[in-house]
Amino acid sequence: MDAEVPDAPPPGPSLRRRLGGLLVLAAAILLVVVCVSVIALVNVVRYQDEVTNPYFTAVTQADSAYVTLVDAESSVRGYLATGSALNLEAFDRSLAKEGGSAIHDDATAERITRSSPVATALDDATRAVHAWSVEFAQPTVEKVRQDGPDAVTTDDRLEGARLFAEARTATGEYIAVLREVREEKVRSLEVWTQVLFGSVVVLVVAAVLVGGFLWSVLKRWITDPVTTLAHQVRVVSDGNLRQPVAVQAPGEIGALAVDVEHMRRELVSQVAEIRTSHAEVEHSHELLAAQAQELARSNRDLEQFAYVASHDLQEPLRKVASFTQLLQKRYGGQLDDRADQYIEFAVDGAKRMQRLIQDLLGFSRVGRTGAERGPVDLEKAFGVVLSDLEEKITTTGTIVTHDPLPTVRGEKGLLEQLFVNLVGNAIKFRDPERPPVVHVAVRALDNAWEFAVADNGIGIDAQYAERVFVIFQRLHPKDVYEGTGIGLALCKRIVEYHGGRIWIEPTVGGGTTVRFTIAHQYDPVGSAPSPSAR
């Protein structure tokens, strides 16, 4: 017996729960990193758009407006000094642009004024530019056009210089605020770009670490235990049932290892039982072989007995029958009636003994005649049967009919003997009150032919339907119906030798129907004749 291995300890939390917890944790970590990356990406895109689109445009437009303001002031100052319309070209261009006081277009102004410092500075610059342009430049230019350069006083010129200085200062301060806000946007863009890059790096590193950790856990919890369990199972399946299956593993794999170990122990127990059964079978086989040898010896003795019965026993019996018949022929009527009766008994006994020995020989020789099995045309065989029974048929006036008979596989002599016995019985047990009629019917089954020999004779009581096939069983006294009681037993032996069965069915209106089958293909074991002892 193999050494007992203690059962594995009860498994802890199942692998499903363990792996589920690990996957949830890994998913949570990755989700946090992904969320940070998404937030960083959104901010990078937003700040990138603000830096490169509205604020860049706003700075460009503010610088252009500042240059335009300076050019317009130079143009107005030159016009006031000379009164020449050529000097107003720059001022006229500034007036053509949003009335001369607008620094930005509406779209740009709407986007940058969301910032409070920018909106305040823009309002101050716009008011200062509007004050210089509307309150000084335009009225003064119009006055010079009408009255000439001398119409503008020194005070007017000083007021214009003051308003221009305020407009230029407010515009410069606005540009400085705008640039400062843009720089803040740029710094925020850089920060979020670094955050995005860092989150991507963290995401990659986290994915690698989580993957490595999961692989390590799966290897320790699943791969290694399964590999070890598979190796031990292969060892056991190769025939080494004494190898215990012991794997320390968590959850379901540990439970599987315990189940496999229980299965191995059960197999060991079953193999032990099988070996015990095999030893018993071997012992039974030896007994069967001995019995087979004993049966073969018994068969040889029976064959020797049959040979002796057919030769040695019949020889003195023939002498007894011959001399008793001579006594009856020579001294019949010369002695008293009692002597004649004794002689008659001796002659009848000798004749019945000869018939009995011959029937026993026929019964024992079924399948041992040495004849080959082959196709038998039952039409021709039945013609031989009718020829053998011609005298009985003619004497009793029996009408014998039959269906078209097939060709079957078997021994011709035995099949002829079968029909001779059945038709002969139908004639023997005829009803004295009506002419005997015998009909042989046939039908095809899947694996055999079924025959029926029906007559209108005295019939057989249903309670004796099985008894009549037993050897030496008679239903009538021998002085009423002659015979040895072997005929139907011989028929049964012949039918079974051909792979079929035989039975009796009651017939409506009287009579008997004997049915039997003959297999299409059947080779009985041991059908080859054994050599007779000589």
Protein backbone atom coordinates (compact mmCIF):
# COMPACT_ATOMS: atom_id res chain seq x y z
CA MET A 1 0.00 0.00 0.00
CA ASP A 2 1.22 3.52 -0.73
CA ALA A 3 1.91 5.92 2.08
CA GLU A 4 -1.08 7.95 3.09
CA VAL A 5 -0.78 11.64 2.31
CA PRO A 6 -2.71 13.98 4.59
CA ASP A 7 -5.43 15.95 2.95
CA ALA A 8 -4.54 19.49 1.91
CA PRO A 9 -5.73 22.21 4.26
CA PRO A 10 -9.05 23.78 3.40
CA PRO A 11 -8.47 26.31 0.64
CA GLY A 12 -8.67 30.00 1.48
CA PRO A 13 -10.47 32.56 -0.61
CA SER A 14 -11.23 31.31 -4.08
CA LEU A 15 -9.05 32.20 -7.02
CA ARG A 16 -11.98 34.03 -8.53
CA ARG A 17 -12.18 36.36 -5.53
CA ARG A 18 -8.41 36.83 -5.36
CA LEU A 19 -8.00 37.52 -9.04
CA GLY A 20 -11.10 39.71 -9.01
CA GLY A 21 -9.67 41.83 -6.19
CA LEU A 22 -6.33 42.17 -7.96
CA LEU A 23 -7.95 43.12 -11.24
CA VAL A 24 -10.18 45.69 -9.53
CA LEU A 25 -7.14 47.23 -7.81
CA ALA A 26 -5.14 47.27 -11.05
CA ALA A 27 -8.11 48.74 -12.91
CA ALA A 28 -8.54 51.44 -10.24
CA ILE A 29 -4.86 52.44 -10.48
CA LEU A 30 -4.94 52.53 -14.25
CA LEU A 31 -8.25 54.41 -14.20
CA VAL A 32 -6.81 57.13 -11.96
CA VAL A 33 -3.77 57.52 -14.21
CA VAL A 34 -5.95 57.58 -17.30
CA CYS A 35 -8.26 60.20 -15.77
CA VAL A 36 -5.29 62.43 -14.91
CA SER A 37 -3.96 61.96 -18.45
CA VAL A 38 -7.31 62.89 -19.95
CA ILE A 39 -7.61 66.02 -17.76
CA ALA A 40 -4.05 67.02 -18.69
CA LEU A 41 -4.75 66.45 -22.36
CA VAL A 42 -7.93 68.56 -22.24
CA ASN A 43 -6.06 71.40 -20.55
CA VAL A 44 -3.14 71.15 -22.95
CA VAL A 45 -5.50 71.40 -25.89
CA ARG A 46 -7.39 74.33 -24.28
CA TYR A 47 -4.29 76.33 -23.36
CA GLN A 48 -2.65 75.53 -26.68
CA ASP A 49 -5.69 76.94 -28.44
CA GLU A 50 -5.77 80.08 -26.27
CA VAL A 51 -2.03 80.74 -26.62
CA THR A 52 -1.88 80.18 -30.36
CA ASN A 53 -5.23 81.60 -31.37
CA PRO A 54 -7.00 84.44 -29.45
CA TYR A 55 -4.09 85.82 -27.37
CA PHE A 56 -1.57 85.64 -30.18
CA THR A 57 -4.05 87.42 -32.44
CA ALA A 58 -4.88 89.91 -29.69
CA VAL A 59 -1.20 90.79 -29.13
CA THR A 60 -0.69 91.19 -32.87
CA GLN A 61 -3.77 93.38 -33.22
CA ALA A 62 -2.81 95.46 -30.13
CA ASP A 63 0.69 96.11 -31.49
CA SER A 64 -0.79 97.06 -34.83
CA ALA A 65 -3.31 99.36 -33.12
CA TYR A 66 -0.52 101.01 -31.13
CA VAL A 67 1.52 101.65 -34.28
CA THR A 68 -1.60 102.92 -36.03
CA LEU A 69 -2.30 105.26 -33.09
CA VAL A 70 1.25 106.69 -33.23
CA ASP A 71 1.05 107.13 -37.00
CA ALA A 72 -2.36 108.82 -36.72
CA GLU A 73 -1.06 111.24 -34.06
CA SER A 74 1.96 112.12 -36.27
CA SER A 75 -0.40 112.58 -39.22
CA VAL A 76 -2.72 114.92 -37.23
CA ARG A 77 0.17 116.92 -35.82
CA GLY A 78 1.66 117.39 -39.32
CA TYR A 79 -1.71 118.43 -40.72
CA LEU A 80 -2.21 120.94 -37.94
CA ALA A 81 1.19 122.41 -38.68
CA THR A 82 0.92 122.61 -42.50
CA GLY A 83 -2.76 122.27 -43.32
CA SER A 84 -1.79 119.90 -46.16
CA ALA A 85 -4.28 117.09 -46.80
CA LEU A 86 -1.44 114.74 -47.70
CA ASN A 87 -0.45 114.55 -44.05
CA LEU A 88 -3.91 113.08 -43.11
CA GLU A 89 -3.41 109.78 -45.00
CA ALA A 90 -2.45 107.78 -41.88
CA PHE A 91 -5.21 109.40 -39.82
CA ASP A 92 -7.81 108.58 -42.47
CA ARG A 93 -6.70 104.95 -42.46
CA SER A 94 -7.13 104.80 -38.70
CA LEU A 95 -10.64 106.23 -38.97
CA ALA A 96 -11.51 103.60 -41.59
CA LYS A 97 -10.75 100.90 -38.97
CA GLU A 98 -13.69 100.63 -36.53
CA GLY A 99 -14.08 104.36 -36.28
CA GLY A 100 -10.44 104.66 -35.23
CA SER A 101 -10.95 103.55 -31.61
CA ALA A 102 -11.32 99.77 -31.88
CA ILE A 103 -8.19 97.79 -30.98
CA HIS A 104 -9.56 94.28 -31.81
CA ASP A 105 -12.23 92.67 -33.95
CA ASP A 106 -15.38 91.48 -32.17
CA ALA A 107 -14.45 87.72 -32.11
CA THR A 108 -11.04 88.32 -30.61
CA ALA A 109 -12.33 90.84 -28.13
CA GLU A 110 -15.08 88.46 -26.99
CA ARG A 111 -12.59 85.63 -26.24
CA ILE A 112 -9.90 87.65 -24.46
CA THR A 113 -12.26 89.76 -22.35
CA ARG A 114 -13.23 86.66 -20.36
CA SER A 115 -10.16 87.51 -18.28
CA SER A 116 -10.94 90.38 -15.88
CA PRO A 117 -7.53 92.17 -16.04
CA VAL A 118 -7.54 92.09 -19.83
CA ALA A 119 -11.12 93.38 -20.01
CA THR A 120 -10.33 96.30 -17.64
CA ALA A 121 -7.15 97.26 -19.45
CA LEU A 122 -8.89 97.01 -22.83
CA ASP A 123 -11.73 99.24 -21.66
CA ASP A 124 -9.25 101.86 -20.41
CA ALA A 125 -7.26 101.79 -23.62
CA THR A 126 -10.38 101.92 -25.78
CA ARG A 127 -11.76 104.94 -23.84
CA ALA A 128 -8.41 106.76 -24.02
CA VAL A 129 -8.04 106.14 -27.76
CA HIS A 130 -11.70 107.11 -28.30
CA ALA A 131 -11.19 110.32 -26.26
CA TRP A 132 -8.14 111.43 -28.30
CA SER A 133 -9.72 110.49 -31.62
CA VAL A 134 -13.28 111.73 -31.10
CA GLU A 135 -12.77 114.59 -28.66
CA PHE A 136 -9.57 116.08 -30.16
CA ALA A 137 -8.34 114.72 -33.47
CA GLN A 138 -11.54 114.67 -35.50
CA PRO A 139 -12.90 118.10 -34.37
CA THR A 140 -9.49 119.72 -34.72
CA VAL A 141 -8.93 118.29 -38.22
CA GLU A 142 -12.39 119.53 -39.24
CA LYS A 143 -11.64 123.01 -37.81
CA VAL A 144 -8.36 123.24 -39.79
CA ARG A 145 -10.18 122.20 -42.97
CA GLN A 146 -12.61 125.01 -42.50
CA ASP A 147 -10.48 127.83 -40.97
CA GLY A 148 -6.85 126.81 -41.57
CA PRO A 149 -4.01 125.92 -39.20
CA ASP A 150 -4.27 129.18 -37.32
CA ALA A 151 -7.70 128.21 -36.07
CA VAL A 152 -6.10 125.78 -33.58
CA THR A 153 -4.87 127.36 -30.42
CA THR A 154 -1.91 126.38 -28.29
CA ASP A 155 -4.24 125.19 -25.54
CA ASP A 156 -5.96 122.95 -28.05
CA ARG A 157 -2.62 121.53 -29.06
CA LEU A 158 -1.60 120.93 -25.41
CA GLU A 159 -4.97 119.22 -24.69
CA GLY A 160 -4.45 116.99 -27.74
CA ALA A 161 -0.96 116.11 -26.58
CA ARG A 162 -2.32 115.22 -23.15
CA LEU A 163 -5.11 113.03 -24.57
CA PHE A 164 -2.65 111.30 -26.92
CA ALA A 165 -0.24 110.67 -24.06
CA GLU A 166 -3.08 109.08 -22.06
CA ALA A 167 -4.17 106.97 -25.05
CA ARG A 168 -0.62 105.83 -25.77
CA THR A 169 -0.01 105.04 -22.10
CA ALA A 170 -3.32 103.13 -21.74
CA THR A 171 -2.65 101.22 -24.94
CA GLY A 172 0.87 100.33 -23.82
CA GLU A 173 -0.40 99.19 -20.43
CA TYR A 174 -3.08 97.10 -22.14
CA ILE A 175 -0.47 95.45 -24.36
CA ALA A 176 1.65 94.73 -21.26
CA VAL A 177 -1.35 93.16 -19.46
CA LEU A 178 -2.22 91.17 -22.57
CA ARG A 179 1.32 89.87 -22.88
CA GLU A 180 1.41 89.02 -19.18
CA VAL A 181 -1.85 87.04 -19.39
CA ARG A 182 -0.56 85.25 -22.48
CA GLU A 183 2.63 84.39 -20.65
CA GLU A 184 0.54 82.92 -17.84
CA LYS A 185 -1.31 80.84 -20.43
CA VAL A 186 2.01 79.71 -21.87
CA ARG A 187 3.26 78.73 -18.42
CA SER A 188 0.01 76.84 -17.74
CA LEU A 189 0.41 75.12 -21.11
CA GLU A 190 3.92 74.06 -20.17
CA VAL A 191 2.76 72.81 -16.80
CA TRP A 192 -0.09 70.77 -18.24
CA THR A 193 2.17 69.50 -21.01
CA GLN A 194 4.56 68.23 -18.38
CA VAL A 195 1.64 66.75 -16.45
CA LEU A 196 0.42 65.03 -19.62
CA PHE A 197 3.87 63.68 -20.39
CA GLY A 198 4.31 62.55 -16.79
CA SER A 199 0.90 60.90 -16.71
CA VAL A 200 1.69 59.05 -19.93
CA VAL A 201 4.97 57.89 -18.45
CA VAL A 202 3.21 56.92 -15.23
CA LEU A 203 0.54 55.12 -17.27
CA VAL A 204 3.15 53.13 -19.16
CA VAL A 205 5.11 52.37 -15.99
CA ALA A 206 1.92 51.47 -14.12
CA ALA A 207 0.80 49.20 -16.94
CA VAL A 208 4.19 47.48 -16.95
CA LEU A 209 4.22 47.14 -13.17
CA VAL A 210 0.61 45.93 -13.01
CA GLY A 211 1.27 43.47 -15.83
CA GLY A 212 4.41 42.19 -14.14
CA PHE A 213 2.64 41.90 -10.81
CA LEU A 214 -0.31 40.06 -12.36
CA TRP A 215 2.06 37.72 -14.21
CA SER A 216 3.93 37.01 -10.97
CA VAL A 217 0.67 36.35 -9.13
CA LEU A 218 -0.74 34.17 -11.93
CA LYS A 219 2.52 32.22 -12.08
CA ARG A 220 2.56 31.67 -8.32
CA TRP A 221 -1.16 30.99 -7.94
CA ILE A 222 -2.04 29.23 -11.21
CA THR A 223 0.77 28.40 -13.65
CA ASP A 224 3.22 26.75 -11.26
CA PRO A 225 0.58 24.77 -9.30
CA VAL A 226 -1.11 23.61 -12.53
CA THR A 227 2.26 22.59 -14.01
CA THR A 228 3.14 20.66 -10.85
CA LEU A 229 -0.31 19.06 -10.74
CA ALA A 230 -0.10 18.11 -14.43
CA HIS A 231 3.33 16.53 -13.90
CA GLN A 232 2.08 14.47 -10.96
CA VAL A 233 -1.04 13.45 -12.90
CA ARG A 234 1.15 12.31 -15.84
CA VAL A 235 3.26 10.26 -13.44
CA VAL A 236 0.10 8.62 -12.07
CA SER A 237 -1.38 8.12 -15.55
CA ASP A 238 1.83 6.39 -16.66
CA GLY A 239 1.04 3.65 -14.16
CA ASN A 240 2.77 4.82 -10.99
CA LEU A 241 -0.38 4.85 -8.87
CA ARG A 242 1.68 4.92 -5.67
CA GLN A 243 2.87 8.46 -6.44
CA PRO A 244 0.80 10.77 -4.20
CA VAL A 245 -0.68 13.93 -5.69
CA ALA A 246 0.20 16.77 -3.30
CA VAL A 247 0.07 20.36 -4.56
CA GLN A 248 -0.09 23.41 -2.31
CA ALA A 249 -2.23 25.89 -4.20
CA PRO A 250 -4.90 28.41 -3.33
CA GLY A 251 -8.59 28.21 -4.08
CA GLU A 252 -9.96 25.99 -6.83
CA ILE A 253 -6.59 24.53 -7.86
CA GLY A 254 -5.95 23.33 -4.32
CA ALA A 255 -9.42 21.78 -4.25
CA LEU A 256 -8.72 20.19 -7.65
CA ALA A 257 -5.47 18.69 -6.31
CA VAL A 258 -7.38 17.24 -3.35
CA ASP A 259 -10.00 15.77 -5.72
CA VAL A 260 -7.27 14.27 -7.94
CA GLU A 261 -5.61 12.73 -4.89
CA HIS A 262 -8.94 11.23 -3.81
CA MET A 263 -9.40 9.92 -7.35
CA ARG A 264 -5.91 8.37 -7.25
CA ARG A 265 -6.69 6.63 -3.98
CA GLU A 266 -9.95 5.39 -5.43
CA LEU A 267 -8.06 4.11 -8.47
CA VAL A 268 -5.58 2.34 -6.22
CA SER A 269 -8.48 0.70 -4.43
CA GLN A 270 -10.17 -0.25 -7.69
CA VAL A 271 -6.93 -1.59 -9.16
CA ALA A 272 -6.49 -3.74 -6.07
CA GLU A 273 -10.03 -5.02 -6.50
CA ILE A 274 -9.43 -5.61 -10.21
CA ARG A 275 -6.27 -7.52 -9.46
CA THR A 276 -8.16 -9.62 -6.95
CA SER A 277 -10.92 -10.16 -9.50
CA HIS A 278 -8.31 -10.95 -12.15
CA ALA A 279 -6.78 -13.57 -9.88
CA GLU A 280 -10.23 -15.01 -9.34
CA VAL A 281 -10.86 -14.96 -13.09
CA GLU A 282 -7.54 -16.67 -13.68
CA HIS A 283 -8.48 -19.28 -11.12
CA SER A 284 -11.90 -19.67 -12.75
CA HIS A 285 -10.21 -19.91 -16.14
CA GLU A 286 -8.00 -22.68 -14.86
CA LEU A 287 -11.07 -24.45 -13.49
CA LEU A 288 -12.86 -23.94 -16.81
CA ALA A 289 -9.84 -25.27 -18.68
CA ALA A 290 -9.83 -28.32 -16.43
CA GLN A 291 -13.58 -28.72 -16.92
CA ALA A 292 -13.13 -28.29 -20.67
CA GLN A 293 -10.53 -31.04 -20.64
CA GLU A 294 -12.89 -33.16 -18.57
CA LEU A 295 -15.71 -32.35 -21.00
CA ALA A 296 -13.50 -33.24 -23.96
CA ARG A 297 -12.65 -36.52 -22.27
CA SER A 298 -16.35 -37.09 -21.56
CA ASN A 299 -17.16 -36.33 -25.21
CA ARG A 300 -14.54 -38.82 -26.31
CA ASP A 301 -16.09 -41.36 -23.95
CA LEU A 302 -19.53 -40.57 -25.38
CA GLU A 303 -18.21 -40.92 -28.89
CA GLN A 304 -16.65 -44.23 -27.88
CA PHE A 305 -19.98 -45.22 -26.38
CA ALA A 306 -21.77 -44.20 -29.58
CA TYR A 307 -19.33 -46.26 -31.58
CA VAL A 308 -19.83 -49.23 -29.25
CA ALA A 309 -23.61 -48.73 -29.34
CA SER A 310 -23.60 -48.56 -33.12
CA HIS A 311 -21.41 -51.61 -33.51
CA ASP A 312 -20.74 -53.78 -30.49
CA LEU A 313 -24.13 -53.42 -28.72
CA GLN A 314 -26.22 -53.78 -31.84
CA GLU A 315 -24.46 -56.93 -32.92
CA PRO A 316 -25.73 -59.16 -30.04
CA LEU A 317 -29.07 -57.29 -30.21
CA ARG A 318 -29.39 -58.24 -33.87
CA LYS A 319 -28.65 -61.84 -32.96
CA VAL A 320 -31.29 -61.79 -30.23
CA ALA A 321 -33.82 -60.26 -32.63
CA SER A 322 -32.92 -62.72 -35.41
CA PHE A 323 -33.14 -65.83 -33.21
CA THR A 324 -36.37 -64.72 -31.53
CA GLN A 325 -37.85 -64.12 -34.96
CA LEU A 326 -36.66 -67.63 -36.01
CA LEU A 327 -38.23 -69.07 -32.88
CA GLN A 328 -41.47 -67.28 -33.67
CA LYS A 329 -41.38 -68.46 -37.28
CA ARG A 330 -40.45 -72.10 -36.58
CA TYR A 331 -42.27 -72.82 -33.34
CA GLY A 332 -45.12 -70.34 -33.59
CA GLY A 333 -48.35 -72.25 -33.05
CA GLN A 334 -46.55 -75.40 -31.87
CA LEU A 335 -46.30 -74.29 -28.26
CA ASP A 336 -49.03 -73.04 -25.97
CA ASP A 337 -50.44 -69.53 -26.18
CA ARG A 338 -48.33 -68.28 -23.30
CA ALA A 339 -45.09 -69.36 -25.07
CA ASP A 340 -46.21 -67.63 -28.27
CA GLN A 341 -46.92 -64.47 -26.22
CA TYR A 342 -43.47 -64.58 -24.60
CA ILE A 343 -41.82 -64.98 -27.97
CA GLU A 344 -43.86 -62.00 -29.30
CA PHE A 345 -42.73 -59.88 -26.33
CA ALA A 346 -39.08 -60.79 -27.00
CA VAL A 347 -39.31 -59.95 -30.70
CA ASP A 348 -41.09 -56.64 -30.01
CA GLY A 349 -38.58 -55.69 -27.28
CA ALA A 350 -35.63 -56.43 -29.54
CA LYS A 351 -37.10 -54.34 -32.33
CA ARG A 352 -37.87 -51.42 -30.00
CA MET A 353 -34.39 -51.63 -28.52
CA GLN A 354 -32.89 -51.41 -32.02
CA ARG A 355 -35.04 -48.37 -32.84
CA LEU A 356 -34.16 -46.75 -29.53
CA ILE A 357 -30.41 -47.27 -30.08
CA GLN A 358 -30.67 -45.92 -33.62
CA ASP A 359 -32.61 -42.84 -32.44
CA LEU A 360 -30.08 -42.23 -29.66
CA LEU A 361 -27.27 -42.48 -32.17
CA GLY A 362 -29.04 -40.00 -34.44
CA PHE A 363 -29.58 -37.61 -31.51
CA SER A 364 -25.93 -37.77 -30.43
CA ARG A 365 -24.59 -37.38 -33.97
CA VAL A 366 -26.25 -34.03 -34.66
CA GLY A 367 -23.41 -31.71 -35.67
CA ARG A 368 -20.84 -34.54 -35.49
CA THR A 369 -21.34 -36.22 -38.82
CA GLY A 370 -18.48 -34.37 -40.50
CA ALA A 371 -20.75 -33.04 -43.24
CA GLU A 372 -19.97 -29.52 -44.45
CA ARG A 373 -22.43 -26.68 -43.95
CA GLY A 374 -23.50 -25.04 -47.16
CA PRO A 375 -26.48 -23.88 -49.23
CA VAL A 376 -29.41 -26.33 -49.06
CA ASP A 377 -32.24 -26.10 -51.58
CA LEU A 378 -35.23 -26.98 -49.40
CA GLU A 379 -37.45 -27.55 -52.47
CA LYS A 380 -35.25 -30.48 -53.48
CA ALA A 381 -34.74 -31.58 -49.87
CA PHE A 382 -38.52 -31.59 -49.27
CA GLY A 383 -38.92 -33.71 -52.40
CA VAL A 384 -36.59 -36.30 -50.80
CA VAL A 385 -38.72 -36.10 -47.60
CA LEU A 386 -41.93 -36.79 -49.52
CA SER A 387 -40.23 -39.70 -51.29
CA ASP A 388 -39.17 -41.21 -47.93
CA LEU A 389 -42.72 -40.83 -46.55
CA GLU A 390 -44.47 -41.86 -49.75
CA GLU A 391 -45.77 -45.15 -48.36
CA LYS A 392 -47.24 -43.50 -45.23
CA ILE A 393 -48.72 -40.66 -47.27
CA THR A 394 -50.35 -43.03 -49.71
CA THR A 395 -51.60 -45.45 -47.06
CA THR A 396 -53.18 -42.75 -44.90
CA GLY A 397 -54.39 -40.54 -47.77
CA THR A 398 -52.52 -37.54 -46.36
CA ILE A 399 -52.50 -34.31 -48.36
CA VAL A 400 -49.13 -32.52 -48.03
CA THR A 401 -48.71 -28.98 -49.39
CA HIS A 402 -46.09 -26.30 -48.94
CA ASP A 403 -45.17 -22.71 -49.81
CA PRO A 404 -42.23 -22.08 -52.13
CA LEU A 405 -39.27 -23.10 -49.99
CA PRO A 406 -36.05 -21.06 -49.92
CA THR A 407 -32.40 -22.04 -50.01
CA VAL A 408 -30.85 -21.95 -46.53
CA ARG A 409 -27.41 -22.57 -45.10
CA GLY A 410 -26.97 -25.78 -43.12
CA GLU A 411 -26.48 -29.56 -43.34
CA LYS A 412 -28.70 -31.19 -45.92
CA GLY A 413 -29.09 -34.50 -44.10
CA LEU A 414 -30.12 -32.89 -40.81
CA LEU A 415 -32.68 -30.61 -42.48
CA GLU A 416 -34.18 -33.56 -44.32
CA GLN A 417 -34.36 -35.46 -41.01
CA LEU A 418 -36.08 -32.42 -39.44
CA PHE A 419 -38.89 -32.34 -42.03
CA VAL A 420 -39.20 -36.15 -42.01
CA ASN A 421 -39.80 -36.12 -38.27
CA LEU A 422 -42.27 -33.20 -38.32
CA VAL A 423 -44.30 -34.39 -41.31
CA GLY A 424 -44.12 -37.97 -40.01
CA ASN A 425 -45.48 -36.86 -36.61
CA ALA A 426 -48.30 -35.00 -38.34
CA ILE A 427 -49.26 -38.18 -40.16
CA LYS A 428 -48.80 -40.39 -37.08
CA PHE A 429 -50.99 -38.23 -34.81
CA ARG A 430 -53.76 -37.74 -37.39
CA ASP A 431 -57.43 -37.42 -36.43
CA PRO A 432 -59.24 -40.68 -37.38
CA GLU A 433 -62.43 -38.77 -38.16
CA ARG A 434 -61.03 -36.63 -41.00
CA PRO A 435 -58.47 -36.94 -43.77
CA PRO A 436 -55.05 -35.75 -42.65
CA VAL A 437 -53.80 -32.48 -44.15
CA VAL A 438 -50.29 -31.11 -43.65
CA HIS A 439 -49.08 -27.67 -44.85
CA VAL A 440 -45.55 -26.22 -44.61
CA ALA A 441 -45.52 -22.39 -44.58
CA VAL A 442 -42.51 -20.09 -44.65
CA ARG A 443 -41.85 -16.37 -44.20
CA ALA A 444 -38.69 -14.24 -44.19
CA LEU A 445 -37.52 -12.44 -41.04
CA ASP A 446 -34.66 -9.98 -40.70
CA ASN A 447 -32.05 -12.57 -39.67
CA ALA A 448 -33.76 -15.89 -40.24
CA TRP A 449 -36.41 -17.91 -42.08
CA GLU A 450 -39.48 -18.94 -40.08
CA PHE A 451 -41.21 -22.21 -40.99
CA ALA A 452 -44.55 -23.58 -39.79
CA VAL A 453 -45.65 -27.22 -40.14
CA ALA A 454 -49.43 -27.21 -39.52
CA ASP A 455 -51.74 -30.26 -39.43
CA ASN A 456 -55.35 -31.05 -38.56
CA GLY A 457 -54.53 -33.97 -36.25
CA ILE A 458 -55.40 -34.66 -32.64
CA GLY A 459 -53.42 -31.67 -31.40
CA ILE A 460 -51.33 -31.11 -28.25
CA ASP A 461 -52.58 -29.66 -24.99
CA ALA A 462 -50.97 -26.25 -24.31
CA GLN A 463 -49.64 -27.41 -20.94
CA TYR A 464 -47.46 -29.99 -22.73
CA ALA A 465 -46.12 -27.56 -25.39
CA GLU A 466 -42.65 -27.47 -23.80
CA ARG A 467 -42.57 -30.99 -22.40
CA VAL A 468 -42.78 -32.67 -25.83
CA PHE A 469 -39.28 -31.40 -26.71
CA VAL A 470 -37.68 -33.24 -23.77
CA ILE A 471 -36.02 -36.53 -24.69
CA PHE A 472 -37.97 -39.71 -23.87
CA GLN A 473 -41.10 -37.69 -22.99
CA ARG A 474 -44.25 -39.39 -24.33
CA LEU A 475 -47.85 -38.18 -24.10
CA HIS A 476 -49.44 -41.45 -25.27
CA PRO A 477 -48.89 -45.11 -24.42
CA LYS A 478 -46.51 -46.97 -26.72
CA ASP A 479 -49.18 -49.52 -27.63
CA VAL A 480 -51.38 -46.66 -29.00
CA TYR A 481 -48.70 -44.65 -30.88
CA GLU A 482 -45.37 -46.27 -31.58
CA GLY A 483 -42.12 -44.37 -31.10
CA THR A 484 -39.23 -43.81 -28.70
CA GLY A 485 -40.01 -40.25 -27.54
CA ILE A 486 -36.86 -38.82 -29.17
CA GLY A 487 -38.33 -37.37 -32.38
CA LEU A 488 -39.19 -33.81 -31.27
CA ALA A 489 -36.09 -33.64 -29.02
CA LEU A 490 -34.05 -34.48 -32.12
CA CYS A 491 -35.91 -31.73 -34.05
CA LYS A 492 -35.07 -29.21 -31.34
CA ARG A 493 -31.40 -30.21 -31.40
CA ILE A 494 -31.26 -29.85 -35.21
CA VAL A 495 -32.97 -26.43 -35.15
CA GLU A 496 -30.70 -25.10 -32.41
CA TYR A 497 -27.68 -26.42 -34.32
CA HIS A 498 -28.82 -24.16 -37.19
CA GLY A 499 -29.10 -21.09 -34.95
CA GLY A 500 -32.88 -21.15 -34.53
CA ARG A 501 -35.58 -22.08 -32.03
CA ILE A 502 -38.66 -24.30 -32.16
CA TRP A 503 -42.04 -24.04 -30.42
CA ILE A 504 -45.65 -25.23 -30.68
CA GLU A 505 -48.69 -23.02 -31.23
CA PRO A 506 -52.32 -24.08 -30.82
CA THR A 507 -54.30 -24.26 -34.05
CA VAL A 508 -57.85 -22.94 -34.35
CA GLY A 509 -60.23 -25.80 -35.13
CA GLY A 510 -57.85 -28.50 -33.84
CA GLY A 511 -54.51 -29.78 -34.97
CA THR A 512 -50.98 -28.67 -34.22
CA THR A 513 -48.64 -26.02 -35.63
CA VAL A 514 -44.91 -26.52 -35.05
CA ARG A 515 -42.91 -23.36 -35.78
CA PHE A 516 -39.14 -23.12 -36.06
CA THR A 517 -36.52 -20.74 -37.43
CA ILE A 518 -33.26 -21.22 -39.32
CA ALA A 519 -30.71 -18.40 -39.15
CA HIS A 520 -29.36 -16.86 -42.36
CA GLN A 521 -25.78 -17.02 -41.08
CA TYR A 522 -24.82 -19.14 -38.07
CA ASP A 523 -21.69 -21.14 -37.22
CA PRO A 524 -22.08 -22.91 -33.86
CA VAL A 525 -18.96 -22.99 -31.70
CA GLY A 526 -17.51 -26.42 -31.78
CA SER A 527 -19.59 -27.46 -34.77
CA ALA A 528 -16.60 -29.16 -36.34
CA PRO A 529 -16.89 -32.88 -35.69
CA SER A 530 -14.56 -34.45 -33.23
CA PRO A 531 -12.73 -37.56 -34.42
CA SER A 532 -14.43 -40.70 -33.19
CA ALA A 533 -12.47 -43.19 -31.20
CA ARG A 534 -11.97 -46.32 -33.18
